[in-house]
């Protein structure tokens, strides 16, 4: 079996929720921490990519701009527990959270 076989990764609905923020959820299964971008939750997974330097599998979907141009975006990341601590995953989640809060402040300052 390949290290990131799709059969190895259940849907987030069947995983144990560890932590949640305004824009993310962190789940766990027996082998991985899974960081999910809540703003991309409904997207269909179109592609999975593996970053061998960081040892992280990313699930990507497609969003479309007003001109109909498709843009690949990350939906969730799988961090192997034997290579990444929960603290490292939380740090990535907090970085994502800050980025979304900054974008919201720029685009919707009255909220």
C-alpha atoms as a PDB file:
ATOM      1  CA  UNK A   1       0.000   0.000   0.000  1.00  0.00           C
ATOM      2  CA  UNK A   2       1.231   3.502  -0.815  1.00  0.00           C
ATOM      3  CA  UNK A   3       1.864   5.748   2.206  1.00  0.00           C
ATOM      4  CA  UNK A   4      -1.103   7.982   1.314  1.00  0.00           C
ATOM      5  CA  UNK A   5      -3.633   5.592  -0.166  1.00  0.00           C
ATOM      6  CA  UNK A   6      -7.096   7.211  -0.259  1.00  0.00           C
ATOM      7  CA  UNK A   7      -8.578   4.206   1.572  1.00  0.00           C
ATOM      8  CA  UNK A   8      -6.371   5.141   4.510  1.00  0.00           C
ATOM      9  CA  UNK A   9      -8.105   8.512   5.074  1.00  0.00           C
ATOM     10  CA  UNK A  10     -11.714   8.469   6.280  1.00  0.00           C
ATOM     11  CA  UNK A  11     -13.977  11.490   5.915  1.00  0.00           C
ATOM     12  CA  UNK A  12     -13.813  14.140   8.633  1.00  0.00           C
ATOM     13  CA  UNK A  13     -17.299  13.179   9.814  1.00  0.00           C
ATOM     14  CA  UNK A  14     -15.944   9.832  11.045  1.00  0.00           C
ATOM     15  CA  UNK A  15     -12.946  11.314  12.898  1.00  0.00           C
ATOM     16  CA  UNK A  16     -12.628  12.475  16.507  1.00  0.00           C
ATOM     17  CA  UNK A  17     -12.741  16.256  16.889  1.00  0.00           C
ATOM     18  CA  UNK A  18      -9.806  17.513  18.959  1.00  0.00           C
ATOM     19  CA  UNK A  19     -10.013  21.293  18.646  1.00  0.00           C
ATOM     20  CA  UNK A  20     -11.956  23.870  16.708  1.00  0.00           C
ATOM     21  CA  UNK A  21     -11.529  27.499  15.869  1.00  0.00           C
ATOM     22  CA  UNK A  22     -13.603  29.984  13.971  1.00  0.00           C
ATOM     23  CA  UNK A  23     -12.119  28.838  10.644  1.00  0.00           C
ATOM     24  CA  UNK A  24     -10.702  25.361  11.327  1.00  0.00           C
ATOM     25  CA  UNK A  25     -11.246  21.970  12.908  1.00  0.00           C
ATOM     26  CA  UNK A  26      -8.526  19.584  14.041  1.00  0.00           C
ATOM     27  CA  UNK A  27      -9.424  15.896  14.035  1.00  0.00           C
ATOM     28  CA  UNK A  28      -7.472  12.767  14.782  1.00  0.00           C
ATOM     29  CA  UNK A  29      -7.489   9.203  13.620  1.00  0.00           C
ATOM     30  CA  UNK A  30      -5.162   6.421  14.711  1.00  0.00           C
ATOM     31  CA  UNK A  31      -2.270   7.644  12.508  1.00  0.00           C
ATOM     32  CA  UNK A  32      -2.862  11.316  11.704  1.00  0.00           C
ATOM     33  CA  UNK A  33      -3.818  14.760  12.886  1.00  0.00           C
ATOM     34  CA  UNK A  34      -6.188  16.259  10.309  1.00  0.00           C
ATOM     35  CA  UNK A  35      -6.463  20.034   9.946  1.00  0.00           C
ATOM     36  CA  UNK A  36      -9.578  21.084   8.031  1.00  0.00           C
ATOM     37  CA  UNK A  37     -10.274  24.557   6.643  1.00  0.00           C
ATOM     38  CA  UNK A  38     -13.927  25.151   7.577  1.00  0.00           C
ATOM     39  CA  UNK A  39     -14.347  27.678   4.762  1.00  0.00           C
ATOM     40  CA  UNK A  40     -13.688  24.901   2.218  1.00  0.00           C
ATOM     41  CA  UNK A  41     -15.708  22.100   3.867  1.00  0.00           C
ATOM     42  CA  UNK A  42     -18.276  21.524   1.122  1.00  0.00           C
ATOM     43  CA  UNK A  43     -15.757  21.213  -1.674  1.00  0.00           C
ATOM     44  CA  UNK A  44     -15.242  17.906  -3.409  1.00  0.00           C
ATOM     45  CA  UNK A  45     -11.700  16.565  -3.183  1.00  0.00           C
ATOM     46  CA  UNK A  46     -10.287  16.724  -6.708  1.00  0.00           C
ATOM     47  CA  UNK A  47      -6.645  16.057  -5.961  1.00  0.00           C
ATOM     48  CA  UNK A  48      -4.332  14.830  -3.235  1.00  0.00           C
ATOM     49  CA  UNK A  49      -0.738  15.990  -3.097  1.00  0.00           C
ATOM     50  CA  UNK A  50       2.089  14.878  -0.880  1.00  0.00           C
ATOM     51  CA  UNK A  51       4.780  17.251   0.347  1.00  0.00           C
ATOM     52  CA  UNK A  52       7.752  14.956   1.013  1.00  0.00           C
ATOM     53  CA  UNK A  53       9.762  17.735   2.708  1.00  0.00           C
ATOM     54  CA  UNK A  54       7.081  18.347   5.340  1.00  0.00           C
ATOM     55  CA  UNK A  55       5.588  14.815   5.197  1.00  0.00           C
ATOM     56  CA  UNK A  56       2.037  16.161   4.856  1.00  0.00           C
ATOM     57  CA  UNK A  57      -0.765  15.016   2.563  1.00  0.00           C
ATOM     58  CA  UNK A  58      -3.033  17.809   1.278  1.00  0.00           C
ATOM     59  CA  UNK A  59      -6.530  17.299  -0.083  1.00  0.00           C
ATOM     60  CA  UNK A  60      -7.423  19.942  -2.643  1.00  0.00           C
ATOM     61  CA  UNK A  61     -10.647  21.113  -4.216  1.00  0.00           C
ATOM     62  CA  UNK A  62     -11.552  23.651  -6.864  1.00  0.00           C
ATOM     63  CA  UNK A  63     -13.191  27.046  -6.510  1.00  0.00           C
ATOM     64  CA  UNK A  64     -14.082  29.331  -9.393  1.00  0.00           C
ATOM     65  CA  UNK A  65     -13.674  33.082  -9.739  1.00  0.00           C
ATOM     66  CA  UNK A  66     -16.229  35.400 -11.353  1.00  0.00           C
ATOM     67  CA  UNK A  67     -14.669  34.752 -14.751  1.00  0.00           C
ATOM     68  CA  UNK A  68     -15.083  31.003 -14.386  1.00  0.00           C
ATOM     69  CA  UNK A  69     -11.392  30.348 -13.850  1.00  0.00           C
ATOM     70  CA  UNK A  70     -10.769  27.387 -11.539  1.00  0.00           C
ATOM     71  CA  UNK A  71      -8.363  27.740  -8.634  1.00  0.00           C
ATOM     72  CA  UNK A  72      -7.076  24.776  -6.618  1.00  0.00           C
ATOM     73  CA  UNK A  73      -7.363  25.282  -2.864  1.00  0.00           C
ATOM     74  CA  UNK A  74      -6.455  23.151   0.138  1.00  0.00           C
ATOM     75  CA  UNK A  75      -9.364  21.648   2.032  1.00  0.00           C
ATOM     76  CA  UNK A  76      -7.536  19.604   4.645  1.00  0.00           C
ATOM     77  CA  UNK A  77      -4.049  18.479   5.603  1.00  0.00           C
ATOM     78  CA  UNK A  78      -3.054  15.103   7.085  1.00  0.00           C
ATOM     79  CA  UNK A  79      -0.107  15.273   9.506  1.00  0.00           C
ATOM     80  CA  UNK A  80       1.299  11.857  10.527  1.00  0.00           C
ATOM     81  CA  UNK A  81       1.338  11.655  14.332  1.00  0.00           C
ATOM     82  CA  UNK A  82       4.750  10.010  14.363  1.00  0.00           C
ATOM     83  CA  UNK A  83       6.275  13.041  12.585  1.00  0.00           C
ATOM     84  CA  UNK A  84       4.192  16.004  13.852  1.00  0.00           C
ATOM     85  CA  UNK A  85       3.049  17.031  17.320  1.00  0.00           C
ATOM     86  CA  UNK A  86      -0.444  18.317  17.983  1.00  0.00           C
ATOM     87  CA  UNK A  87       1.204  21.618  18.966  1.00  0.00           C
ATOM     88  CA  UNK A  88       2.715  21.947  15.482  1.00  0.00           C
ATOM     89  CA  UNK A  89      -0.690  21.317  13.898  1.00  0.00           C
ATOM     90  CA  UNK A  90      -2.314  23.864  16.244  1.00  0.00           C
ATOM     91  CA  UNK A  91       0.348  26.396  15.258  1.00  0.00           C
ATOM     92  CA  UNK A  92      -0.547  25.920  11.579  1.00  0.00           C
ATOM     93  CA  UNK A  93      -4.236  26.238  12.464  1.00  0.00           C
ATOM     94  CA  UNK A  94      -3.641  29.478  14.372  1.00  0.00           C
ATOM     95  CA  UNK A  95      -1.683  30.901  11.419  1.00  0.00           C
ATOM     96  CA  UNK A  96      -4.630  30.112   9.147  1.00  0.00           C
ATOM     97  CA  UNK A  97      -7.056  31.616  11.683  1.00  0.00           C
ATOM     98  CA  UNK A  98      -5.070  34.877  11.876  1.00  0.00           C
ATOM     99  CA  UNK A  99      -4.929  35.108   8.070  1.00  0.00           C
ATOM    100  CA  UNK A 100      -8.709  34.745   7.768  1.00  0.00           C
ATOM    101  CA  UNK A 101      -9.324  37.268  10.561  1.00  0.00           C
ATOM    102  CA  UNK A 102      -7.042  39.781   8.816  1.00  0.00           C
ATOM    103  CA  UNK A 103      -8.859  39.233   5.507  1.00  0.00           C
ATOM    104  CA  UNK A 104     -12.221  39.681   7.200  1.00  0.00           C
ATOM    105  CA  UNK A 105     -11.054  42.920   8.809  1.00  0.00           C
ATOM    106  CA  UNK A 106      -9.929  44.260   5.443  1.00  0.00           C
ATOM    107  CA  UNK A 107     -13.052  43.216   3.534  1.00  0.00           C
ATOM    108  CA  UNK A 108     -15.697  43.682   6.273  1.00  0.00           C
ATOM    109  CA  UNK A 109     -14.345  46.201   8.821  1.00  0.00           C
ATOM    110  CA  UNK A 110     -17.737  46.753  10.467  1.00  0.00           C
ATOM    111  CA  UNK A 111     -18.140  43.071  11.529  1.00  0.00           C
END
